[in-house]
Amino acid sequence: MRFKIDENVHPEVAGYLSEQGHDALTVWDEGLRGTADTSLAEVCRKERRTLLTLDVDFADIRVYPPEQYAGIIVLRLGSQSRIHVLQSVVRLAALLSLTENKADGHLWIVDEQSVRVRGEDEP
């Protein structure tokens, strides 16, 4: 999968995903730090990259309809420490490897207990 890691997620996450065989770039890598959410979403859409973020604004499907993107993954975690986020991404990566359609066209909300997926196949 192709990921764009938002600036609010530790860059070590991109390193882990790359080690797992994914193409993972950070907002920092591309000089997009401080970019407006709508602009970042547009870059992800054009590049066909799944956005991985802690920013819950990206969970608003009225503003960011999942079917228009290669995927949006929002981490809603009680702790945003580097270790806690990385552990959640390790769990998420294992789940993504089992899913047929990955994240394309879907919004994934990930917390410590569950993963909720919303996308084009819903009414």
PDB file of N, CA and C in Angstrom:
ATOM      1  N   MET A   1       0.836  -1.190   0.000  1.00  0.00           N
ATOM      2  CA  MET A   1       0.000   0.000   0.000  1.00  0.00           C
ATOM      3  C   MET A   1       0.872   1.242   0.000  1.00  0.00           C
ATOM      4  N   ARG A   2       0.254   2.325  -0.441  1.00  0.00           N
ATOM      5  CA  ARG A   2       0.932   3.627  -0.466  1.00  0.00           C
ATOM      6  C   ARG A   2       0.312   4.502   0.624  1.00  0.00           C
ATOM      7  N   PHE A   3       1.145   4.936   1.553  1.00  0.00           N
ATOM      8  CA  PHE A   3       0.676   5.738   2.681  1.00  0.00           C
ATOM      9  C   PHE A   3       1.270   7.133   2.652  1.00  0.00           C
ATOM     10  N   LYS A   4       0.493   8.084   3.191  1.00  0.00           N
ATOM     11  CA  LYS A   4       0.993   9.414   3.528  1.00  0.00           C
ATOM     12  C   LYS A   4       0.766   9.531   5.031  1.00  0.00           C
ATOM     13  N   ILE A   5       1.841   9.744   5.775  1.00  0.00           N
ATOM     14  CA  ILE A   5       1.771   9.845   7.231  1.00  0.00           C
ATOM     15  C   ILE A   5       1.687  11.318   7.603  1.00  0.00           C
ATOM     16  N   ASP A   6       0.628  11.689   8.287  1.00  0.00           N
ATOM     17  CA  ASP A   6       0.406  13.077   8.664  1.00  0.00           C
ATOM     18  C   ASP A   6       1.474  13.541   9.650  1.00  0.00           C
ATOM     19  N   GLU A   7       1.621  14.850   9.762  1.00  0.00           N
ATOM     20  CA  GLU A   7       2.656  15.415  10.620  1.00  0.00           C
ATOM     21  C   GLU A   7       2.428  15.144  12.096  1.00  0.00           C
ATOM     22  N   ASN A   8       1.204  14.787  12.485  1.00  0.00           N
ATOM     23  CA  ASN A   8       0.921  14.527  13.892  1.00  0.00           C
ATOM     24  C   ASN A   8       1.206  13.075  14.293  1.00  0.00           C
ATOM     25  N   VAL A   9       1.689  12.279  13.360  1.00  0.00           N
ATOM     26  CA  VAL A   9       2.058  10.887  13.623  1.00  0.00           C
ATOM     27  C   VAL A   9       3.574  10.787  13.569  1.00  0.00           C
ATOM     28  N   HIS A  10       4.166  10.146  14.558  1.00  0.00           N
ATOM     29  CA  HIS A  10       5.618  10.042  14.629  1.00  0.00           C
ATOM     30  C   HIS A  10       6.175   9.400  13.355  1.00  0.00           C
ATOM     31  N   PRO A  11       7.261   9.964  12.802  1.00  0.00           N
ATOM     32  CA  PRO A  11       7.835   9.433  11.555  1.00  0.00           C
ATOM     33  C   PRO A  11       8.295   7.975  11.646  1.00  0.00           C
ATOM     34  N   GLU A  12       8.474   7.471  12.857  1.00  0.00           N
ATOM     35  CA  GLU A  12       8.850   6.069  13.020  1.00  0.00           C
ATOM     36  C   GLU A  12       7.783   5.142  12.438  1.00  0.00           C
ATOM     37  N   VAL A  13       6.546   5.621  12.403  1.00  0.00           N
ATOM     38  CA  VAL A  13       5.455   4.837  11.814  1.00  0.00           C
ATOM     39  C   VAL A  13       5.732   4.602  10.328  1.00  0.00           C
ATOM     40  N   ALA A  14       6.184   5.635   9.630  1.00  0.00           N
ATOM     41  CA  ALA A  14       6.522   5.479   8.207  1.00  0.00           C
ATOM     42  C   ALA A  14       7.650   4.473   8.042  1.00  0.00           C
ATOM     43  N   GLY A  15       8.636   4.525   8.925  1.00  0.00           N
ATOM     44  CA  GLY A  15       9.736   3.562   8.877  1.00  0.00           C
ATOM     45  C   GLY A  15       9.238   2.140   9.056  1.00  0.00           C
ATOM     46  N   TYR A  16       8.346   1.933  10.007  1.00  0.00           N
ATOM     47  CA  TYR A  16       7.797   0.597  10.242  1.00  0.00           C
ATOM     48  C   TYR A  16       7.035   0.111   9.011  1.00  0.00           C
ATOM     49  N   LEU A  17       6.162   0.960   8.472  1.00  0.00           N
ATOM     50  CA  LEU A  17       5.376   0.558   7.305  1.00  0.00           C
ATOM     51  C   LEU A  17       6.276   0.253   6.108  1.00  0.00           C
ATOM     52  N   SER A  18       7.335   1.031   5.948  1.00  0.00           N
ATOM     53  CA  SER A  18       8.295   0.765   4.860  1.00  0.00           C
ATOM     54  C   SER A  18       8.976  -0.581   5.058  1.00  0.00           C
ATOM     55  N   GLU A  19       9.344  -0.886   6.286  1.00  0.00           N
ATOM     56  CA  GLU A  19       9.957  -2.191   6.588  1.00  0.00           C
ATOM     57  C   GLU A  19       9.013  -3.343   6.262  1.00  0.00           C
ATOM     58  N   GLN A  20       7.714  -3.085   6.322  1.00  0.00           N
ATOM     59  CA  GLN A  20       6.708  -4.108   6.029  1.00  0.00           C
ATOM     60  C   GLN A  20       6.394  -4.193   4.533  1.00  0.00           C
ATOM     61  N   GLY A  21       7.118  -3.426   3.728  1.00  0.00           N
ATOM     62  CA  GLY A  21       6.950  -3.492   2.279  1.00  0.00           C
ATOM     63  C   GLY A  21       6.017  -2.458   1.686  1.00  0.00           C
ATOM     64  N   HIS A  22       5.564  -1.510   2.506  1.00  0.00           N
ATOM     65  CA  HIS A  22       4.673  -0.465   2.012  1.00  0.00           C
ATOM     66  C   HIS A  22       5.483   0.741   1.552  1.00  0.00           C
ATOM     67  N   ASP A  23       4.879   1.556   0.724  1.00  0.00           N
ATOM     68  CA  ASP A  23       5.451   2.819   0.284  1.00  0.00           C
ATOM     69  C   ASP A  23       4.875   3.887   1.211  1.00  0.00           C
ATOM     70  N   ALA A  24       5.665   4.333   2.171  1.00  0.00           N
ATOM     71  CA  ALA A  24       5.176   5.267   3.184  1.00  0.00           C
ATOM     72  C   ALA A  24       6.012   6.540   3.197  1.00  0.00           C
ATOM     73  N   LEU A  25       5.364   7.649   2.903  1.00  0.00           N
ATOM     74  CA  LEU A  25       6.000   8.956   2.954  1.00  0.00           C
ATOM     75  C   LEU A  25       5.342   9.784   4.042  1.00  0.00           C
ATOM     76  N   THR A  26       6.115  10.653   4.651  1.00  0.00           N
ATOM     77  CA  THR A  26       5.548  11.537   5.658  1.00  0.00           C
ATOM     78  C   THR A  26       5.287  12.913   5.059  1.00  0.00           C
ATOM     79  N   VAL A  27       4.412  13.649   5.704  1.00  0.00           N
ATOM     80  CA  VAL A  27       4.165  15.035   5.337  1.00  0.00           C
ATOM     81  C   VAL A  27       5.477  15.805   5.402  1.00  0.00           C
ATOM     82  N   TRP A  28       6.312  15.458   6.368  1.00  0.00           N
ATOM     83  CA  TRP A  28       7.619  16.105   6.522  1.00  0.00           C
ATOM     84  C   TRP A  28       8.504  15.827   5.311  1.00  0.00           C
ATOM     85  N   ASP A  29       8.491  14.575   4.799  1.00  0.00           N
ATOM     86  CA  ASP A  29       9.308  14.203   3.635  1.00  0.00           C
ATOM     87  C   ASP A  29       9.044  15.104   2.441  1.00  0.00           C
ATOM     88  N   GLU A  30       7.809  15.506   2.287  1.00  0.00           N
ATOM     89  CA  GLU A  30       7.420  16.249   1.089  1.00  0.00           C
ATOM     90  C   GLU A  30       7.257  17.746   1.330  1.00  0.00           C
ATOM     91  N   GLY A  31       7.688  18.217   2.494  1.00  0.00           N
ATOM     92  CA  GLY A  31       7.598  19.643   2.784  1.00  0.00           C
ATOM     93  C   GLY A  31       6.165  20.146   2.886  1.00  0.00           C
ATOM     94  N   LEU A  32       5.264  19.295   3.368  1.00  0.00           N
ATOM     95  CA  LEU A  32       3.856  19.664   3.477  1.00  0.00           C
ATOM     96  C   LEU A  32       3.449  20.018   4.907  1.00  0.00           C
ATOM     97  N   ARG A  33       4.412  20.144   5.787  1.00  0.00           N
ATOM     98  CA  ARG A  33       4.116  20.476   7.181  1.00  0.00           C
ATOM     99  C   ARG A  33       3.350  21.800   7.231  1.00  0.00           C
ATOM    100  N   GLY A  34       2.255  21.823   7.990  1.00  0.00           N
ATOM    101  CA  GLY A  34       1.454  23.028   8.127  1.00  0.00           C
ATOM    102  C   GLY A  34       0.442  23.222   7.015  1.00  0.00           C
ATOM    103  N   THR A  35       0.373  22.288   6.080  1.00  0.00           N
ATOM    104  CA  THR A  35      -0.582  22.382   4.981  1.00  0.00           C
ATOM    105  C   THR A  35      -2.004  22.233   5.509  1.00  0.00           C
ATOM    106  N   ALA A  36      -2.925  22.992   4.964  1.00  0.00           N
ATOM    107  CA  ALA A  36      -4.337  22.887   5.351  1.00  0.00           C
ATOM    108  C   ALA A  36      -4.836  21.474   5.087  1.00  0.00           C
ATOM    109  N   ASP A  37      -5.763  21.019   5.924  1.00  0.00           N
ATOM    110  CA  ASP A  37      -6.300  19.662   5.782  1.00  0.00           C
ATOM    111  C   ASP A  37      -6.841  19.401   4.385  1.00  0.00           C
ATOM    112  N   THR A  38      -7.589  20.347   3.839  1.00  0.00           N
ATOM    113  CA  THR A  38      -8.167  20.133   2.508  1.00  0.00           C
ATOM    114  C   THR A  38      -7.088  19.993   1.441  1.00  0.00           C
ATOM    115  N   SER A  39      -6.011  20.747   1.578  1.00  0.00           N
ATOM    116  CA  SER A  39      -4.903  20.644   0.621  1.00  0.00           C
ATOM    117  C   SER A  39      -4.177  19.315   0.766  1.00  0.00           C
ATOM    118  N   LEU A  40      -3.971  18.883   2.003  1.00  0.00           N
ATOM    119  CA  LEU A  40      -3.323  17.593   2.240  1.00  0.00           C
ATOM    120  C   LEU A  40      -4.181  16.461   1.678  1.00  0.00           C
ATOM    121  N   ALA A  41      -5.479  16.527   1.892  1.00  0.00           N
ATOM    122  CA  ALA A  41      -6.381  15.505   1.356  1.00  0.00           C
ATOM    123  C   ALA A  41      -6.299  15.458  -0.161  1.00  0.00           C
ATOM    124  N   GLU A  42      -6.210  16.612  -0.784  1.00  0.00           N
ATOM    125  CA  GLU A  42      -6.117  16.664  -2.248  1.00  0.00           C
ATOM    126  C   GLU A  42      -4.801  16.046  -2.740  1.00  0.00           C
ATOM    127  N   VAL A  43      -3.707  16.308  -2.047  1.00  0.00           N
ATOM    128  CA  VAL A  43      -2.424  15.691  -2.406  1.00  0.00           C
ATOM    129  C   VAL A  43      -2.531  14.171  -2.299  1.00  0.00           C
ATOM    130  N   CYS A  44      -3.115  13.694  -1.214  1.00  0.00           N
ATOM    131  CA  CYS A  44      -3.287  12.247  -1.031  1.00  0.00           C
ATOM    132  C   CYS A  44      -4.156  11.656  -2.138  1.00  0.00           C
ATOM    133  N   ARG A  45      -5.212  12.369  -2.502  1.00  0.00           N
ATOM    134  CA  ARG A  45      -6.109  11.895  -3.552  1.00  0.00           C
ATOM    135  C   ARG A  45      -5.366  11.787  -4.880  1.00  0.00           C
ATOM    136  N   LYS A  46      -4.630  12.834  -5.230  1.00  0.00           N
ATOM    137  CA  LYS A  46      -3.888  12.840  -6.495  1.00  0.00           C
ATOM    138  C   LYS A  46      -2.805  11.767  -6.530  1.00  0.00           C
ATOM    139  N   GLU A  47      -2.132  11.554  -5.409  1.00  0.00           N
ATOM    140  CA  GLU A  47      -1.049  10.568  -5.336  1.00  0.00           C
ATOM    141  C   GLU A  47      -1.568   9.149  -5.096  1.00  0.00           C
ATOM    142  N   ARG A  48      -2.890   9.019  -4.856  1.00  0.00           N
ATOM    143  CA  ARG A  48      -3.497   7.721  -4.528  1.00  0.00           C
ATOM    144  C   ARG A  48      -2.803   7.091  -3.321  1.00  0.00           C
ATOM    145  N   ARG A  49      -2.645   7.893  -2.265  1.00  0.00           N
ATOM    146  CA  ARG A  49      -2.047   7.430  -1.019  1.00  0.00           C
ATOM    147  C   ARG A  49      -3.095   7.425   0.082  1.00  0.00           C
ATOM    148  N   THR A  50      -3.032   6.428   0.933  1.00  0.00           N
ATOM    149  CA  THR A  50      -3.891   6.350   2.106  1.00  0.00           C
ATOM    150  C   THR A  50      -3.317   7.264   3.177  1.00  0.00           C
ATOM    151  N   LEU A  51      -4.134   8.181   3.669  1.00  0.00           N
ATOM    152  CA  LEU A  51      -3.704   9.092   4.726  1.00  0.00           C
ATOM    153  C   LEU A  51      -3.833   8.402   6.068  1.00  0.00           C
ATOM    154  N   LEU A  52      -2.776   8.448   6.857  1.00  0.00           N
ATOM    155  CA  LEU A  52      -2.776   7.925   8.230  1.00  0.00           C
ATOM    156  C   LEU A  52      -2.561   9.117   9.154  1.00  0.00           C
ATOM    157  N   THR A  53      -3.540   9.380  10.016  1.00  0.00           N
ATOM    158  CA  THR A  53      -3.522  10.603  10.805  1.00  0.00           C
ATOM    159  C   THR A  53      -4.139  10.412  12.184  1.00  0.00           C
ATOM    160  N   LEU A  54      -3.828  11.329  13.070  1.00  0.00           N
ATOM    161  CA  LEU A  54      -4.482  11.425  14.372  1.00  0.00           C
ATOM    162  C   LEU A  54      -5.544  12.529  14.367  1.00  0.00           C
ATOM    163  N   ASP A  55      -5.684  13.214  13.266  1.00  0.00           N
ATOM    164  CA  ASP A  55      -6.595  14.345  13.134  1.00  0.00           C
ATOM    165  C   ASP A  55      -8.014  13.855  12.853  1.00  0.00           C
ATOM    166  N   VAL A  56      -8.894  13.966  13.846  1.00  0.00           N
ATOM    167  CA  VAL A  56     -10.261  13.451  13.708  1.00  0.00           C
ATOM    168  C   VAL A  56     -11.097  14.250  12.709  1.00  0.00           C
ATOM    169  N   ASP A  57     -10.633  15.415  12.298  1.00  0.00           N
ATOM    170  CA  ASP A  57     -11.363  16.177  11.278  1.00  0.00           C
ATOM    171  C   ASP A  57     -11.489  15.369   9.981  1.00  0.00           C
ATOM    172  N   PHE A  58     -10.524  14.504   9.713  1.00  0.00           N
ATOM    173  CA  PHE A  58     -10.566  13.686   8.494  1.00  0.00           C
ATOM    174  C   PHE A  58     -11.626  12.587   8.563  1.00  0.00           C
ATOM    175  N   ALA A  59     -12.247  12.403   9.709  1.00  0.00           N
ATOM    176  CA  ALA A  59     -13.318  11.414   9.848  1.00  0.00           C
ATOM    177  C   ALA A  59     -14.673  11.972   9.420  1.00  0.00           C
ATOM    178  N   ASP A  60     -14.727  13.229   9.054  1.00  0.00           N
ATOM    179  CA  ASP A  60     -15.974  13.849   8.615  1.00  0.00           C
ATOM    180  C   ASP A  60     -16.215  13.484   7.146  1.00  0.00           C
ATOM    181  N   ILE A  61     -17.096  12.522   6.921  1.00  0.00           N
ATOM    182  CA  ILE A  61     -17.322  12.026   5.556  1.00  0.00           C
ATOM    183  C   ILE A  61     -18.050  13.036   4.670  1.00  0.00           C
ATOM    184  N   ARG A  62     -18.631  14.073   5.258  1.00  0.00           N
ATOM    185  CA  ARG A  62     -19.253  15.125   4.445  1.00  0.00           C
ATOM    186  C   ARG A  62     -18.179  15.968   3.774  1.00  0.00           C
ATOM    187  N   VAL A  63     -17.052  16.137   4.457  1.00  0.00           N
ATOM    188  CA  VAL A  63     -15.955  16.933   3.920  1.00  0.00           C
ATOM    189  C   VAL A  63     -14.992  16.052   3.122  1.00  0.00           C
ATOM    190  N   TYR A  64     -14.762  14.836   3.619  1.00  0.00           N
ATOM    191  CA  TYR A  64     -13.824  13.903   2.986  1.00  0.00           C
ATOM    192  C   TYR A  64     -14.541  12.586   2.678  1.00  0.00           C
ATOM    193  N   PRO A  65     -15.359  12.558   1.618  1.00  0.00           N
ATOM    194  CA  PRO A  65     -16.081  11.321   1.283  1.00  0.00           C
ATOM    195  C   PRO A  65     -15.090  10.197   0.983  1.00  0.00           C
ATOM    196  N   PRO A  66     -15.153   9.099   1.723  1.00  0.00           N
ATOM    197  CA  PRO A  66     -14.151   8.034   1.586  1.00  0.00           C
ATOM    198  C   PRO A  66     -13.964   7.525   0.166  1.00  0.00           C
ATOM    199  N   GLU A  67     -15.048   7.463  -0.594  1.00  0.00           N
ATOM    200  CA  GLU A  67     -14.945   6.900  -1.936  1.00  0.00           C
ATOM    201  C   GLU A  67     -14.097   7.747  -2.883  1.00  0.00           C
ATOM    202  N   GLN A  68     -13.775   8.962  -2.492  1.00  0.00           N
ATOM    203  CA  GLN A  68     -12.957   9.834  -3.330  1.00  0.00           C
ATOM    204  C   GLN A  68     -11.461   9.703  -3.044  1.00  0.00           C
ATOM    205  N   TYR A  69     -11.110   8.844  -2.088  1.00  0.00           N
ATOM    206  CA  TYR A  69      -9.714   8.750  -1.664  1.00  0.00           C
ATOM    207  C   TYR A  69      -9.221   7.308  -1.692  1.00  0.00           C
ATOM    208  N   ALA A  70      -7.913   7.170  -1.674  1.00  0.00           N
ATOM    209  CA  ALA A  70      -7.294   5.843  -1.622  1.00  0.00           C
ATOM    210  C   ALA A  70      -7.349   5.284  -0.209  1.00  0.00           C
ATOM    211  N   GLY A  71      -8.044   5.977   0.656  1.00  0.00           N
ATOM    212  CA  GLY A  71      -8.215   5.542   2.026  1.00  0.00           C
ATOM    213  C   GLY A  71      -7.828   6.631   3.005  1.00  0.00           C
ATOM    214  N   ILE A  72      -8.565   6.670   4.083  1.00  0.00           N
ATOM    215  CA  ILE A  72      -8.256   7.569   5.196  1.00  0.00           C
ATOM    216  C   ILE A  72      -8.315   6.719   6.452  1.00  0.00           C
ATOM    217  N   ILE A  73      -7.241   6.748   7.215  1.00  0.00           N
ATOM    218  CA  ILE A  73      -7.176   6.006   8.468  1.00  0.00           C
ATOM    219  C   ILE A  73      -6.948   7.015   9.589  1.00  0.00           C
ATOM    220  N   VAL A  74      -7.931   7.095  10.479  1.00  0.00           N
ATOM    221  CA  VAL A  74      -7.855   8.018  11.610  1.00  0.00           C
ATOM    222  C   VAL A  74      -7.631   7.202  12.878  1.00  0.00           C
ATOM    223  N   LEU A  75      -6.545   7.508  13.566  1.00  0.00           N
ATOM    224  CA  LEU A  75      -6.241   6.865  14.843  1.00  0.00           C
ATOM    225  C   LEU A  75      -6.870   7.685  15.962  1.00  0.00           C
ATOM    226  N   ARG A  76      -7.797   7.077  16.684  1.00  0.00           N
ATOM    227  CA  ARG A  76      -8.447   7.736  17.834  1.00  0.00           C
ATOM    228  C   ARG A  76      -7.985   7.013  19.086  1.00  0.00           C
ATOM    229  N   LEU A  77      -6.853   7.414  19.573  1.00  0.00           N
ATOM    230  CA  LEU A  77      -6.193   6.695  20.660  1.00  0.00           C
ATOM    231  C   LEU A  77      -6.198   7.515  21.940  1.00  0.00           C
ATOM    232  N   GLY A  78      -6.297   6.825  23.066  1.00  0.00           N
ATOM    233  CA  GLY A  78      -6.256   7.487  24.357  1.00  0.00           C
ATOM    234  C   GLY A  78      -4.909   8.138  24.622  1.00  0.00           C
ATOM    235  N   SER A  79      -3.861   7.520  24.122  1.00  0.00           N
ATOM    236  CA  SER A  79      -2.512   8.062  24.261  1.00  0.00           C
ATOM    237  C   SER A  79      -1.925   8.234  22.872  1.00  0.00           C
ATOM    238  N   GLN A  80      -1.299   9.354  22.646  1.00  0.00           N
ATOM    239  CA  GLN A  80      -0.657   9.600  21.361  1.00  0.00           C
ATOM    240  C   GLN A  80       0.867   9.508  21.477  1.00  0.00           C
ATOM    241  N   SER A  81       1.324   8.781  22.481  1.00  0.00           N
ATOM    242  CA  SER A  81       2.763   8.599  22.628  1.00  0.00           C
ATOM    243  C   SER A  81       3.297   7.790  21.448  1.00  0.00           C
ATOM    244  N   ARG A  82       4.546   7.956  21.144  1.00  0.00           N
ATOM    245  CA  ARG A  82       5.178   7.266  20.022  1.00  0.00           C
ATOM    246  C   ARG A  82       4.969   5.764  20.113  1.00  0.00           C
ATOM    247  N   ILE A  83       5.226   5.191  21.275  1.00  0.00           N
ATOM    248  CA  ILE A  83       5.118   3.739  21.460  1.00  0.00           C
ATOM    249  C   ILE A  83       3.677   3.270  21.274  1.00  0.00           C
ATOM    250  N   HIS A  84       2.735   3.993  21.871  1.00  0.00           N
ATOM    251  CA  HIS A  84       1.332   3.582  21.781  1.00  0.00           C
ATOM    252  C   HIS A  84       0.826   3.652  20.336  1.00  0.00           C
ATOM    253  N   VAL A  85       1.175   4.717  19.639  1.00  0.00           N
ATOM    254  CA  VAL A  85       0.763   4.861  18.236  1.00  0.00           C
ATOM    255  C   VAL A  85       1.400   3.760  17.394  1.00  0.00           C
ATOM    256  N   LEU A  86       2.668   3.507  17.604  1.00  0.00           N
ATOM    257  CA  LEU A  86       3.347   2.463  16.834  1.00  0.00           C
ATOM    258  C   LEU A  86       2.720   1.093  17.087  1.00  0.00           C
ATOM    259  N   GLN A  87       2.393   0.786  18.327  1.00  0.00           N
ATOM    260  CA  GLN A  87       1.733  -0.489  18.632  1.00  0.00           C
ATOM    261  C   GLN A  87       0.391  -0.603  17.913  1.00  0.00           C
ATOM    262  N   SER A  88      -0.341   0.489  17.852  1.00  0.00           N
ATOM    263  CA  SER A  88      -1.630   0.490  17.152  1.00  0.00           C
ATOM    264  C   SER A  88      -1.446   0.291  15.659  1.00  0.00           C
ATOM    265  N   VAL A  89      -0.412   0.874  15.104  1.00  0.00           N
ATOM    266  CA  VAL A  89      -0.137   0.720  13.671  1.00  0.00           C
ATOM    267  C   VAL A  89       0.319  -0.703  13.358  1.00  0.00           C
ATOM    268  N   VAL A  90       1.062  -1.316  14.245  1.00  0.00           N
ATOM    269  CA  VAL A  90       1.459  -2.720  14.054  1.00  0.00           C
ATOM    270  C   VAL A  90       0.202  -3.595  13.981  1.00  0.00           C
ATOM    271  N   ARG A  91      -0.733  -3.360  14.882  1.00  0.00           N
ATOM    272  CA  ARG A  91      -2.000  -4.111  14.875  1.00  0.00           C
ATOM    273  C   ARG A  91      -2.790  -3.813  13.604  1.00  0.00           C
ATOM    274  N   LEU A  92      -2.819  -2.559  13.204  1.00  0.00           N
ATOM    275  CA  LEU A  92      -3.528  -2.153  11.995  1.00  0.00           C
ATOM    276  C   LEU A  92      -2.910  -2.789  10.756  1.00  0.00           C
ATOM    277  N   ALA A  93      -1.588  -2.792  10.667  1.00  0.00           N
ATOM    278  CA  ALA A  93      -0.908  -3.368   9.502  1.00  0.00           C
ATOM    279  C   ALA A  93      -1.231  -4.847   9.352  1.00  0.00           C
ATOM    280  N   ALA A  94      -1.317  -5.547  10.461  1.00  0.00           N
ATOM    281  CA  ALA A  94      -1.674  -6.963  10.404  1.00  0.00           C
ATOM    282  C   ALA A  94      -3.088  -7.119   9.857  1.00  0.00           C
ATOM    283  N   LEU A  95      -3.986  -6.266  10.272  1.00  0.00           N
ATOM    284  CA  LEU A  95      -5.363  -6.323   9.790  1.00  0.00           C
ATOM    285  C   LEU A  95      -5.442  -5.960   8.308  1.00  0.00           C
ATOM    286  N   LEU A  96      -4.728  -4.932   7.899  1.00  0.00           N
ATOM    287  CA  LEU A  96      -4.735  -4.536   6.492  1.00  0.00           C
ATOM    288  C   LEU A  96      -4.211  -5.641   5.588  1.00  0.00           C
ATOM    289  N   SER A  97      -3.251  -6.409   6.083  1.00  0.00           N
ATOM    290  CA  SER A  97      -2.695  -7.487   5.269  1.00  0.00           C
ATOM    291  C   SER A  97      -3.715  -8.601   5.036  1.00  0.00           C
ATOM    292  N   LEU A  98      -4.749  -8.662   5.869  1.00  0.00           N
ATOM    293  CA  LEU A  98      -5.774  -9.694   5.740  1.00  0.00           C
ATOM    294  C   LEU A  98      -6.969  -9.256   4.899  1.00  0.00           C
ATOM    295  N   THR A  99      -7.103  -7.975   4.657  1.00  0.00           N
ATOM    296  CA  THR A  99      -8.275  -7.484   3.945  1.00  0.00           C
ATOM    297  C   THR A  99      -8.014  -7.432   2.453  1.00  0.00           C
ATOM    298  N   GLU A 100      -9.019  -7.784   1.701  1.00  0.00           N
ATOM    299  CA  GLU A 100      -8.879  -7.845   0.253  1.00  0.00           C
ATOM    300  C   GLU A 100      -8.769  -6.465  -0.382  1.00  0.00           C
ATOM    301  N   ASN A 101      -9.628  -5.549   0.047  1.00  0.00           N
ATOM    302  CA  ASN A 101      -9.660  -4.249  -0.617  1.00  0.00           C
ATOM    303  C   ASN A 101      -8.829  -3.185   0.093  1.00  0.00           C
ATOM    304  N   LYS A 102      -8.126  -3.571   1.103  1.00  0.00           N
ATOM    305  CA  LYS A 102      -7.287  -2.647   1.872  1.00  0.00           C
ATOM    306  C   LYS A 102      -8.112  -1.455   2.332  1.00  0.00           C
ATOM    307  N   ALA A 103      -7.604  -0.264   2.143  1.00  0.00           N
ATOM    308  CA  ALA A 103      -8.314   0.918   2.636  1.00  0.00           C
ATOM    309  C   ALA A 103      -8.970   1.718   1.512  1.00  0.00           C
ATOM    310  N   ASP A 104      -8.710   1.383   0.285  1.00  0.00           N
ATOM    311  CA  ASP A 104      -9.168   2.172  -0.856  1.00  0.00           C
ATOM    312  C   ASP A 104     -10.677   2.431  -0.801  1.00  0.00           C
ATOM    313  N   GLY A 105     -11.031   3.722  -0.837  1.00  0.00           N
ATOM    314  CA  GLY A 105     -12.433   4.099  -0.821  1.00  0.00           C
ATOM    315  C   GLY A 105     -13.099   3.983   0.533  1.00  0.00           C
ATOM    316  N   HIS A 106     -12.308   3.824   1.580  1.00  0.00           N
ATOM    317  CA  HIS A 106     -12.869   3.607   2.911  1.00  0.00           C
ATOM    318  C   HIS A 106     -12.235   4.543   3.943  1.00  0.00           C
ATOM    319  N   LEU A 107     -13.017   4.802   4.973  1.00  0.00           N
ATOM    320  CA  LEU A 107     -12.547   5.507   6.162  1.00  0.00           C
ATOM    321  C   LEU A 107     -12.420   4.474   7.258  1.00  0.00           C
ATOM    322  N   TRP A 108     -11.243   4.368   7.832  1.00  0.00           N
ATOM    323  CA  TRP A 108     -10.997   3.453   8.948  1.00  0.00           C
ATOM    324  C   TRP A 108     -10.804   4.304  10.201  1.00  0.00           C
ATOM    325  N   ILE A 109     -11.569   3.998  11.238  1.00  0.00           N
ATOM    326  CA  ILE A 109     -11.395   4.631  12.544  1.00  0.00           C
ATOM    327  C   ILE A 109     -10.831   3.562  13.466  1.00  0.00           C
ATOM    328  N   VAL A 110      -9.620   3.815  13.967  1.00  0.00           N
ATOM    329  CA  VAL A 110      -8.907   2.819  14.763  1.00  0.00           C
ATOM    330  C   VAL A 110      -8.762   3.332  16.187  1.00  0.00           C
ATOM    331  N   ASP A 111      -9.223   2.511  17.138  1.00  0.00           N
ATOM    332  CA  ASP A 111      -8.953   2.817  18.545  1.00  0.00           C
ATOM    333  C   ASP A 111      -8.316   1.591  19.186  1.00  0.00           C
ATOM    334  N   GLU A 112      -8.142   1.630  20.469  1.00  0.00           N
ATOM    335  CA  GLU A 112      -7.446   0.540  21.149  1.00  0.00           C
ATOM    336  C   GLU A 112      -8.214  -0.777  21.103  1.00  0.00           C
ATOM    337  N   GLN A 113      -9.532  -0.703  20.995  1.00  0.00           N
ATOM    338  CA  GLN A 113     -10.365  -1.894  21.073  1.00  0.00           C
ATOM    339  C   GLN A 113     -10.928  -2.369  19.741  1.00  0.00           C
ATOM    340  N   SER A 114     -11.039  -1.473  18.779  1.00  0.00           N
ATOM    341  CA  SER A 114     -11.741  -1.845  17.560  1.00  0.00           C
ATOM    342  C   SER A 114     -11.271  -1.054  16.349  1.00  0.00           C
ATOM    343  N   VAL A 115     -11.721  -1.527  15.204  1.00  0.00           N
ATOM    344  CA  VAL A 115     -11.527  -0.823  13.941  1.00  0.00           C
ATOM    345  C   VAL A 115     -12.894  -0.747  13.276  1.00  0.00           C
ATOM    346  N   ARG A 116     -13.327   0.454  12.973  1.00  0.00           N
ATOM    347  CA  ARG A 116     -14.590   0.649  12.256  1.00  0.00           C
ATOM    348  C   ARG A 116     -14.257   1.092  10.846  1.00  0.00           C
ATOM    349  N   VAL A 117     -14.952   0.515   9.880  1.00  0.00           N
ATOM    350  CA  VAL A 117     -14.688   0.831   8.477  1.00  0.00           C
ATOM    351  C   VAL A 117     -15.965   1.352   7.846  1.00  0.00           C
ATOM    352  N   ARG A 118     -15.821   2.463   7.160  1.00  0.00           N
ATOM    353  CA  ARG A 118     -16.955   3.052   6.451  1.00  0.00           C
ATOM    354  C   ARG A 118     -16.510   3.330   5.025  1.00  0.00           C
ATOM    355  N   GLY A 119     -17.368   3.039   4.057  1.00  0.00           N
ATOM    356  CA  GLY A 119     -16.956   3.283   2.681  1.00  0.00           C
ATOM    357  C   GLY A 119     -18.054   3.110   1.675  1.00  0.00           C
ATOM    358  N   GLU A 120     -17.631   2.977   0.434  1.00  0.00           N
ATOM    359  CA  GLU A 120     -18.540   2.995  -0.703  1.00  0.00           C
ATOM    360  C   GLU A 120     -19.538   1.854  -0.718  1.00  0.00           C
ATOM    361  N   ASP A 121     -19.281   0.775  -0.003  1.00  0.00           N
ATOM    362  CA  ASP A 121     -20.182  -0.366  -0.035  1.00  0.00           C
ATOM    363  C   ASP A 121     -21.318  -0.246   0.979  1.00  0.00           C
ATOM    364  N   GLU A 122     -21.441   0.907   1.633  1.00  0.00           N
ATOM    365  CA  GLU A 122     -22.503   1.114   2.609  1.00  0.00           C
ATOM    366  C   GLU A 122     -23.686   1.817   1.964  1.00  0.00           C
ATOM    367  N   PRO A 123     -24.874   1.632   2.516  1.00  0.00           N
ATOM    368  CA  PRO A 123     -26.052   2.339   1.977  1.00  0.00           C
ATOM    369  C   PRO A 123     -25.960   3.827   2.228  1.00  0.00           C
TER     370      PRO A 123
END
